Amino acid sequence: MHLGHPEGFSLALFEAATLGAPVITHPRVPAATLLKTPNTLTVELHPTSIARALLRPPPPAKPLKKPAEFAHIYLALYHKISEKLK
């Protein structure tokens, strides 16, 4: 779970998503808007929304097979974020 949108791009969130772990995040976290994976769920900062997400987290996904895939995808997302910030 990563709900802090002021932090920006969370490498921990990205690593968890690419490893297939269920991820719950705030929709304003840049990685959440770029990661369109079935194991990522976005929730608003409201206790009820967070509780529902914890009770029914997204399903796990298959992890990426090659470590190089992780680096390639991370760099591509980083460049997308950089372009959006310009």
PDB file of N, CA and C in Angstrom:
ATOM      1  N   MET A   1       0.848  -1.170   0.000  1.00  0.00           N
ATOM      2  CA  MET A   1       0.000   0.000   0.000  1.00  0.00           C
ATOM      3  C   MET A   1       0.892   1.232   0.000  1.00  0.00           C
ATOM      4  N   HIS A   2       0.580   2.146  -0.902  1.00  0.00           N
ATOM      5  CA  HIS A   2       1.318   3.402  -1.003  1.00  0.00           C
ATOM      6  C   HIS A   2       0.305   4.494  -1.324  1.00  0.00           C
ATOM      7  N   LEU A   3       0.003   5.329  -0.348  1.00  0.00           N
ATOM      8  CA  LEU A   3      -1.036   6.349  -0.537  1.00  0.00           C
ATOM      9  C   LEU A   3      -0.514   7.774  -0.563  1.00  0.00           C
ATOM     10  N   GLY A   4       0.770   7.968  -0.349  1.00  0.00           N
ATOM     11  CA  GLY A   4       1.311   9.325  -0.263  1.00  0.00           C
ATOM     12  C   GLY A   4       1.623   9.930  -1.612  1.00  0.00           C
ATOM     13  N   HIS A   5       0.715  10.754  -2.141  1.00  0.00           N
ATOM     14  CA  HIS A   5       0.977  11.341  -3.449  1.00  0.00           C
ATOM     15  C   HIS A   5       2.036  12.432  -3.449  1.00  0.00           C
ATOM     16  N   PRO A   6       2.359  13.096  -2.339  1.00  0.00           N
ATOM     17  CA  PRO A   6       3.435  14.094  -2.405  1.00  0.00           C
ATOM     18  C   PRO A   6       4.810  13.477  -2.681  1.00  0.00           C
ATOM     19  N   GLU A   7       4.968  12.186  -2.394  1.00  0.00           N
ATOM     20  CA  GLU A   7       6.268  11.553  -2.596  1.00  0.00           C
ATOM     21  C   GLU A   7       6.638  11.475  -4.069  1.00  0.00           C
ATOM     22  N   GLY A   8       5.669  11.450  -4.944  1.00  0.00           N
ATOM     23  CA  GLY A   8       5.960  11.362  -6.367  1.00  0.00           C
ATOM     24  C   GLY A   8       6.030   9.927  -6.838  1.00  0.00           C
ATOM     25  N   PHE A   9       6.995   9.647  -7.690  1.00  0.00           N
ATOM     26  CA  PHE A   9       7.122   8.315  -8.263  1.00  0.00           C
ATOM     27  C   PHE A   9       7.742   7.380  -7.237  1.00  0.00           C
ATOM     28  N   SER A  10       7.022   6.345  -6.874  1.00  0.00           N
ATOM     29  CA  SER A  10       7.495   5.419  -5.853  1.00  0.00           C
ATOM     30  C   SER A  10       8.127   4.190  -6.483  1.00  0.00           C
ATOM     31  N   LEU A  11       9.417   4.030  -6.281  1.00  0.00           N
ATOM     32  CA  LEU A  11      10.106   2.858  -6.807  1.00  0.00           C
ATOM     33  C   LEU A  11       9.593   1.595  -6.123  1.00  0.00           C
ATOM     34  N   ALA A  12       9.268   1.671  -4.844  1.00  0.00           N
ATOM     35  CA  ALA A  12       8.743   0.505  -4.120  1.00  0.00           C
ATOM     36  C   ALA A  12       7.419   0.043  -4.722  1.00  0.00           C
ATOM     37  N   LEU A  13       6.546   0.983  -5.070  1.00  0.00           N
ATOM     38  CA  LEU A  13       5.274   0.649  -5.702  1.00  0.00           C
ATOM     39  C   LEU A  13       5.520  -0.012  -7.054  1.00  0.00           C
ATOM     40  N   PHE A  14       6.413   0.548  -7.830  1.00  0.00           N
ATOM     41  CA  PHE A  14       6.724  -0.004  -9.152  1.00  0.00           C
ATOM     42  C   PHE A  14       7.306  -1.412  -9.034  1.00  0.00           C
ATOM     43  N   GLU A  15       8.229  -1.610  -8.093  1.00  0.00           N
ATOM     44  CA  GLU A  15       8.831  -2.936  -7.900  1.00  0.00           C
ATOM     45  C   GLU A  15       7.770  -3.963  -7.509  1.00  0.00           C
ATOM     46  N   ALA A  16       6.895  -3.595  -6.587  1.00  0.00           N
ATOM     47  CA  ALA A  16       5.853  -4.516  -6.147  1.00  0.00           C
ATOM     48  C   ALA A  16       4.939  -4.897  -7.311  1.00  0.00           C
ATOM     49  N   ALA A  17       4.544  -3.908  -8.109  1.00  0.00           N
ATOM     50  CA  ALA A  17       3.649  -4.176  -9.237  1.00  0.00           C
ATOM     51  C   ALA A  17       4.307  -5.084 -10.266  1.00  0.00           C
ATOM     52  N   THR A  18       5.584  -4.842 -10.573  1.00  0.00           N
ATOM     53  CA  THR A  18       6.259  -5.666 -11.573  1.00  0.00           C
ATOM     54  C   THR A  18       6.592  -7.061 -11.049  1.00  0.00           C
ATOM     55  N   LEU A  19       6.641  -7.209  -9.728  1.00  0.00           N
ATOM     56  CA  LEU A  19       6.861  -8.538  -9.151  1.00  0.00           C
ATOM     57  C   LEU A  19       5.553  -9.313  -9.000  1.00  0.00           C
ATOM     58  N   GLY A  20       4.433  -8.651  -9.299  1.00  0.00           N
ATOM     59  CA  GLY A  20       3.142  -9.318  -9.242  1.00  0.00           C
ATOM     60  C   GLY A  20       2.404  -9.186  -7.933  1.00  0.00           C
ATOM     61  N   ALA A  21       2.961  -8.474  -6.972  1.00  0.00           N
ATOM     62  CA  ALA A  21       2.306  -8.305  -5.673  1.00  0.00           C
ATOM     63  C   ALA A  21       1.098  -7.379  -5.814  1.00  0.00           C
ATOM     64  N   PRO A  22       0.037  -7.611  -5.046  1.00  0.00           N
ATOM     65  CA  PRO A  22      -1.093  -6.684  -5.067  1.00  0.00           C
ATOM     66  C   PRO A  22      -0.650  -5.303  -4.566  1.00  0.00           C
ATOM     67  N   VAL A  23      -1.056  -4.263  -5.266  1.00  0.00           N
ATOM     68  CA  VAL A  23      -0.662  -2.898  -4.936  1.00  0.00           C
ATOM     69  C   VAL A  23      -1.918  -2.032  -4.777  1.00  0.00           C
ATOM     70  N   ILE A  24      -1.975  -1.289  -3.685  1.00  0.00           N
ATOM     71  CA  ILE A  24      -3.052  -0.329  -3.445  1.00  0.00           C
ATOM     72  C   ILE A  24      -2.388   1.035  -3.340  1.00  0.00           C
ATOM     73  N   THR A  25      -2.863   1.982  -4.143  1.00  0.00           N
ATOM     74  CA  THR A  25      -2.223   3.286  -4.188  1.00  0.00           C
ATOM     75  C   THR A  25      -3.241   4.395  -4.417  1.00  0.00           C
ATOM     76  N   HIS A  26      -2.794   5.608  -4.236  1.00  0.00           N
ATOM     77  CA  HIS A  26      -3.621   6.796  -4.473  1.00  0.00           C
ATOM     78  C   HIS A  26      -3.560   7.120  -5.965  1.00  0.00           C
ATOM     79  N   PRO A  27      -4.660   7.543  -6.584  1.00  0.00           N
ATOM     80  CA  PRO A  27      -4.645   7.809  -8.028  1.00  0.00           C
ATOM     81  C   PRO A  27      -3.735   8.953  -8.460  1.00  0.00           C
ATOM     82  N   ARG A  28      -3.314   9.793  -7.526  1.00  0.00           N
ATOM     83  CA  ARG A  28      -2.440  10.910  -7.906  1.00  0.00           C
ATOM     84  C   ARG A  28      -0.958  10.570  -7.827  1.00  0.00           C
ATOM     85  N   VAL A  29      -0.623   9.349  -7.401  1.00  0.00           N
ATOM     86  CA  VAL A  29       0.773   8.913  -7.432  1.00  0.00           C
ATOM     87  C   VAL A  29       1.110   8.654  -8.899  1.00  0.00           C
ATOM     88  N   PRO A  30       2.137   9.310  -9.454  1.00  0.00           N
ATOM     89  CA  PRO A  30       2.423   9.151 -10.883  1.00  0.00           C
ATOM     90  C   PRO A  30       2.534   7.700 -11.350  1.00  0.00           C
ATOM     91  N   ALA A  31       3.133   6.843 -10.559  1.00  0.00           N
ATOM     92  CA  ALA A  31       3.271   5.449 -10.979  1.00  0.00           C
ATOM     93  C   ALA A  31       1.912   4.782 -11.134  1.00  0.00           C
ATOM     94  N   ALA A  32       0.944   5.165 -10.324  1.00  0.00           N
ATOM     95  CA  ALA A  32      -0.391   4.557 -10.394  1.00  0.00           C
ATOM     96  C   ALA A  32      -1.071   4.879 -11.707  1.00  0.00           C
ATOM     97  N   THR A  33      -0.865   6.078 -12.217  1.00  0.00           N
ATOM     98  CA  THR A  33      -1.507   6.447 -13.472  1.00  0.00           C
ATOM     99  C   THR A  33      -0.824   5.797 -14.661  1.00  0.00           C
ATOM    100  N   LEU A  34       0.429   5.420 -14.506  1.00  0.00           N
ATOM    101  CA  LEU A  34       1.166   4.811 -15.615  1.00  0.00           C
ATOM    102  C   LEU A  34       1.129   3.291 -15.582  1.00  0.00           C
ATOM    103  N   LEU A  35       0.988   2.710 -14.395  1.00  0.00           N
ATOM    104  CA  LEU A  35       0.941   1.253 -14.287  1.00  0.00           C
ATOM    105  C   LEU A  35      -0.492   0.782 -14.498  1.00  0.00           C
ATOM    106  N   LYS A  36      -0.748   0.211 -15.610  1.00  0.00           N
ATOM    107  CA  LYS A  36      -2.084  -0.305 -15.918  1.00  0.00           C
ATOM    108  C   LYS A  36      -2.040  -1.824 -15.785  1.00  0.00           C
ATOM    109  N   THR A  37      -1.839  -2.296 -14.571  1.00  0.00           N
ATOM    110  CA  THR A  37      -1.741  -3.731 -14.339  1.00  0.00           C
ATOM    111  C   THR A  37      -2.927  -4.191 -13.491  1.00  0.00           C
ATOM    112  N   PRO A  38      -3.345  -5.452 -13.667  1.00  0.00           N
ATOM    113  CA  PRO A  38      -4.500  -5.937 -12.907  1.00  0.00           C
ATOM    114  C   PRO A  38      -4.254  -6.040 -11.402  1.00  0.00           C
ATOM    115  N   ASN A  39      -3.000  -6.014 -10.993  1.00  0.00           N
ATOM    116  CA  ASN A  39      -2.690  -6.116  -9.570  1.00  0.00           C
ATOM    117  C   ASN A  39      -2.541  -4.754  -8.904  1.00  0.00           C
ATOM    118  N   THR A  40      -2.908  -3.670  -9.601  1.00  0.00           N
ATOM    119  CA  THR A  40      -2.843  -2.325  -9.044  1.00  0.00           C
ATOM    120  C   THR A  40      -4.252  -1.756  -8.886  1.00  0.00           C
ATOM    121  N   LEU A  41      -4.578  -1.313  -7.678  1.00  0.00           N
ATOM    122  CA  LEU A  41      -5.874  -0.730  -7.366  1.00  0.00           C
ATOM    123  C   LEU A  41      -5.643   0.661  -6.809  1.00  0.00           C
ATOM    124  N   THR A  42      -6.358   1.660  -7.336  1.00  0.00           N
ATOM    125  CA  THR A  42      -6.240   3.015  -6.802  1.00  0.00           C
ATOM    126  C   THR A  42      -7.444   3.316  -5.918  1.00  0.00           C
ATOM    127  N   VAL A  43      -7.182   4.007  -4.806  1.00  0.00           N
ATOM    128  CA  VAL A  43      -8.244   4.376  -3.868  1.00  0.00           C
ATOM    129  C   VAL A  43      -8.048   5.836  -3.432  1.00  0.00           C
ATOM    130  N   GLU A  44      -9.147   6.467  -3.104  1.00  0.00           N
ATOM    131  CA  GLU A  44      -9.087   7.827  -2.575  1.00  0.00           C
ATOM    132  C   GLU A  44      -8.683   7.777  -1.099  1.00  0.00           C
ATOM    133  N   LEU A  45      -8.214   8.895  -0.588  1.00  0.00           N
ATOM    134  CA  LEU A  45      -7.788   8.971   0.809  1.00  0.00           C
ATOM    135  C   LEU A  45      -9.005   9.137   1.716  1.00  0.00           C
ATOM    136  N   HIS A  46      -9.759   8.092   1.818  1.00  0.00           N
ATOM    137  CA  HIS A  46     -10.941   8.070   2.666  1.00  0.00           C
ATOM    138  C   HIS A  46     -10.920   6.735   3.408  1.00  0.00           C
ATOM    139  N   PRO A  47     -11.136   6.740   4.724  1.00  0.00           N
ATOM    140  CA  PRO A  47     -11.042   5.497   5.506  1.00  0.00           C
ATOM    141  C   PRO A  47     -11.883   4.349   4.950  1.00  0.00           C
ATOM    142  N   THR A  48     -13.086   4.639   4.466  1.00  0.00           N
ATOM    143  CA  THR A  48     -13.940   3.583   3.937  1.00  0.00           C
ATOM    144  C   THR A  48     -13.339   2.969   2.673  1.00  0.00           C
ATOM    145  N   SER A  49     -12.843   3.815   1.782  1.00  0.00           N
ATOM    146  CA  SER A  49     -12.227   3.323   0.544  1.00  0.00           C
ATOM    147  C   SER A  49     -10.991   2.482   0.834  1.00  0.00           C
ATOM    148  N   ILE A  50     -10.187   2.938   1.775  1.00  0.00           N
ATOM    149  CA  ILE A  50      -8.967   2.212   2.132  1.00  0.00           C
ATOM    150  C   ILE A  50      -9.324   0.874   2.773  1.00  0.00           C
ATOM    151  N   ALA A  51     -10.309   0.862   3.661  1.00  0.00           N
ATOM    152  CA  ALA A  51     -10.728  -0.385   4.317  1.00  0.00           C
ATOM    153  C   ALA A  51     -11.257  -1.386   3.297  1.00  0.00           C
ATOM    154  N   ARG A  52     -12.064  -0.924   2.348  1.00  0.00           N
ATOM    155  CA  ARG A  52     -12.579  -1.834   1.310  1.00  0.00           C
ATOM    156  C   ARG A  52     -11.437  -2.428   0.489  1.00  0.00           C
ATOM    157  N   ALA A  53     -10.464  -1.601   0.158  1.00  0.00           N
ATOM    158  CA  ALA A  53      -9.325  -2.080  -0.630  1.00  0.00           C
ATOM    159  C   ALA A  53      -8.509  -3.111   0.149  1.00  0.00           C
ATOM    160  N   LEU A  54      -8.356  -2.893   1.445  1.00  0.00           N
ATOM    161  CA  LEU A  54      -7.612  -3.856   2.263  1.00  0.00           C
ATOM    162  C   LEU A  54      -8.368  -5.173   2.406  1.00  0.00           C
ATOM    163  N   LEU A  55      -9.692  -5.093   2.479  1.00  0.00           N
ATOM    164  CA  LEU A  55     -10.499  -6.314   2.594  1.00  0.00           C
ATOM    165  C   LEU A  55     -10.594  -7.056   1.260  1.00  0.00           C
ATOM    166  N   ARG A  56     -10.562  -6.320   0.168  1.00  0.00           N
ATOM    167  CA  ARG A  56     -10.627  -6.916  -1.168  1.00  0.00           C
ATOM    168  C   ARG A  56      -9.510  -6.347  -2.030  1.00  0.00           C
ATOM    169  N   PRO A  57      -8.271  -6.761  -1.772  1.00  0.00           N
ATOM    170  CA  PRO A  57      -7.145  -6.230  -2.563  1.00  0.00           C
ATOM    171  C   PRO A  57      -7.194  -6.768  -3.991  1.00  0.00           C
ATOM    172  N   PRO A  58      -6.464  -6.134  -4.887  1.00  0.00           N
ATOM    173  CA  PRO A  58      -6.417  -6.652  -6.248  1.00  0.00           C
ATOM    174  C   PRO A  58      -5.740  -8.021  -6.270  1.00  0.00           C
ATOM    175  N   PRO A  59      -6.028  -8.835  -7.263  1.00  0.00           N
ATOM    176  CA  PRO A  59      -5.401 -10.148  -7.321  1.00  0.00           C
ATOM    177  C   PRO A  59      -3.923 -10.039  -7.678  1.00  0.00           C
ATOM    178  N   PRO A  60      -3.127 -10.990  -7.220  1.00  0.00           N
ATOM    179  CA  PRO A  60      -1.717 -11.000  -7.640  1.00  0.00           C
ATOM    180  C   PRO A  60      -1.629 -11.221  -9.156  1.00  0.00           C
ATOM    181  N   ALA A  61      -0.536 -10.825  -9.736  1.00  0.00           N
ATOM    182  CA  ALA A  61      -0.300 -11.024 -11.170  1.00  0.00           C
ATOM    183  C   ALA A  61       0.992 -11.806 -11.356  1.00  0.00           C
ATOM    184  N   LYS A  62       1.222 -12.244 -12.563  1.00  0.00           N
ATOM    185  CA  LYS A  62       2.484 -12.926 -12.850  1.00  0.00           C
ATOM    186  C   LYS A  62       3.611 -11.889 -12.830  1.00  0.00           C
ATOM    187  N   PRO A  63       4.707 -12.217 -12.167  1.00  0.00           N
ATOM    188  CA  PRO A  63       5.835 -11.269 -12.180  1.00  0.00           C
ATOM    189  C   PRO A  63       6.514 -11.259 -13.541  1.00  0.00           C
ATOM    190  N   LEU A  64       7.241 -10.199 -13.805  1.00  0.00           N
ATOM    191  CA  LEU A  64       8.026 -10.159 -15.035  1.00  0.00           C
ATOM    192  C   LEU A  64       9.090 -11.246 -14.978  1.00  0.00           C
ATOM    193  N   LYS A  65       9.400 -11.823 -16.113  1.00  0.00           N
ATOM    194  CA  LYS A  65      10.317 -12.965 -16.143  1.00  0.00           C
ATOM    195  C   LYS A  65      11.790 -12.575 -16.107  1.00  0.00           C
ATOM    196  N   LYS A  66      12.122 -11.440 -16.677  1.00  0.00           N
ATOM    197  CA  LYS A  66      13.531 -11.064 -16.785  1.00  0.00           C
ATOM    198  C   LYS A  66      13.798  -9.761 -16.032  1.00  0.00           C
ATOM    199  N   PRO A  67      14.881  -9.701 -15.274  1.00  0.00           N
ATOM    200  CA  PRO A  67      15.213  -8.444 -14.580  1.00  0.00           C
ATOM    201  C   PRO A  67      15.379  -7.272 -15.543  1.00  0.00           C
ATOM    202  N   ALA A  68      15.837  -7.546 -16.751  1.00  0.00           N
ATOM    203  CA  ALA A  68      16.023  -6.471 -17.734  1.00  0.00           C
ATOM    204  C   ALA A  68      14.689  -5.833 -18.084  1.00  0.00           C
ATOM    205  N   GLU A  69      13.605  -6.609 -18.056  1.00  0.00           N
ATOM    206  CA  GLU A  69      12.287  -6.051 -18.330  1.00  0.00           C
ATOM    207  C   GLU A  69      11.960  -4.969 -17.306  1.00  0.00           C
ATOM    208  N   PHE A  70      12.283  -5.224 -16.050  1.00  0.00           N
ATOM    209  CA  PHE A  70      12.013  -4.269 -14.984  1.00  0.00           C
ATOM    210  C   PHE A  70      12.722  -2.952 -15.261  1.00  0.00           C
ATOM    211  N   ALA A  71      14.004  -3.029 -15.578  1.00  0.00           N
ATOM    212  CA  ALA A  71      14.779  -1.812 -15.830  1.00  0.00           C
ATOM    213  C   ALA A  71      14.243  -1.080 -17.055  1.00  0.00           C
ATOM    214  N   HIS A  72      13.917  -1.805 -18.095  1.00  0.00           N
ATOM    215  CA  HIS A  72      13.412  -1.189 -19.326  1.00  0.00           C
ATOM    216  C   HIS A  72      12.087  -0.476 -19.074  1.00  0.00           C
ATOM    217  N   ILE A  73      11.167  -1.132 -18.387  1.00  0.00           N
ATOM    218  CA  ILE A  73       9.860  -0.538 -18.113  1.00  0.00           C
ATOM    219  C   ILE A  73      10.006   0.665 -17.187  1.00  0.00           C
ATOM    220  N   TYR A  74      10.844   0.549 -16.167  1.00  0.00           N
ATOM    221  CA  TYR A  74      11.057   1.662 -15.243  1.00  0.00           C
ATOM    222  C   TYR A  74      11.593   2.888 -15.989  1.00  0.00           C
ATOM    223  N   LEU A  75      12.582   2.677 -16.855  1.00  0.00           N
ATOM    224  CA  LEU A  75      13.148   3.805 -17.594  1.00  0.00           C
ATOM    225  C   LEU A  75      12.123   4.429 -18.539  1.00  0.00           C
ATOM    226  N   ALA A  76      11.309   3.604 -19.178  1.00  0.00           N
ATOM    227  CA  ALA A  76      10.276   4.130 -20.069  1.00  0.00           C
ATOM    228  C   ALA A  76       9.278   4.974 -19.283  1.00  0.00           C
ATOM    229  N   LEU A  77       8.851   4.501 -18.117  1.00  0.00           N
ATOM    230  CA  LEU A  77       7.909   5.264 -17.295  1.00  0.00           C
ATOM    231  C   LEU A  77       8.549   6.540 -16.769  1.00  0.00           C
ATOM    232  N   TYR A  78       9.819   6.457 -16.390  1.00  0.00           N
ATOM    233  CA  TYR A  78      10.533   7.636 -15.902  1.00  0.00           C
ATOM    234  C   TYR A  78      10.578   8.714 -16.996  1.00  0.00           C
ATOM    235  N   HIS A  79      10.845   8.296 -18.225  1.00  0.00           N
ATOM    236  CA  HIS A  79      10.891   9.261 -19.325  1.00  0.00           C
ATOM    237  C   HIS A  79       9.511   9.867 -19.596  1.00  0.00           C
ATOM    238  N   LYS A  80       8.449   9.067 -19.476  1.00  0.00           N
ATOM    239  CA  LYS A  80       7.096   9.596 -19.654  1.00  0.00           C
ATOM    240  C   LYS A  80       6.793  10.656 -18.603  1.00  0.00           C
ATOM    241  N   ILE A  81       7.177  10.368 -17.366  1.00  0.00           N
ATOM    242  CA  ILE A  81       6.946  11.339 -16.288  1.00  0.00           C
ATOM    243  C   ILE A  81       7.754  12.603 -16.534  1.00  0.00           C
ATOM    244  N   SER A  82       8.995  12.449 -16.953  1.00  0.00           N
ATOM    245  CA  SER A  82       9.841  13.607 -17.223  1.00  0.00           C
ATOM    246  C   SER A  82       9.236  14.489 -18.306  1.00  0.00           C
ATOM    247  N   GLU A  83       8.696  13.855 -19.339  1.00  0.00           N
ATOM    248  CA  GLU A  83       8.091  14.628 -20.426  1.00  0.00           C
ATOM    249  C   GLU A  83       6.834  15.356 -19.960  1.00  0.00           C
ATOM    250  N   LYS A  84       6.046  14.723 -19.108  1.00  0.00           N
ATOM    251  CA  LYS A  84       4.822  15.345 -18.611  1.00  0.00           C
ATOM    252  C   LYS A  84       5.119  16.532 -17.704  1.00  0.00           C
ATOM    253  N   LEU A  85       6.267  16.510 -17.039  1.00  0.00           N
ATOM    254  CA  LEU A  85       6.630  17.589 -16.124  1.00  0.00           C
ATOM    255  C   LEU A  85       7.211  18.806 -16.837  1.00  0.00           C
ATOM    256  N   LYS A  86       7.556  18.657 -18.077  1.00  0.00           N
ATOM    257  CA  LYS A  86       8.154  19.780 -18.817  1.00  0.00           C
ATOM    258  C   LYS A  86       7.124  20.787 -19.222  1.00  0.00           C
TER     259      LYS A  86
END
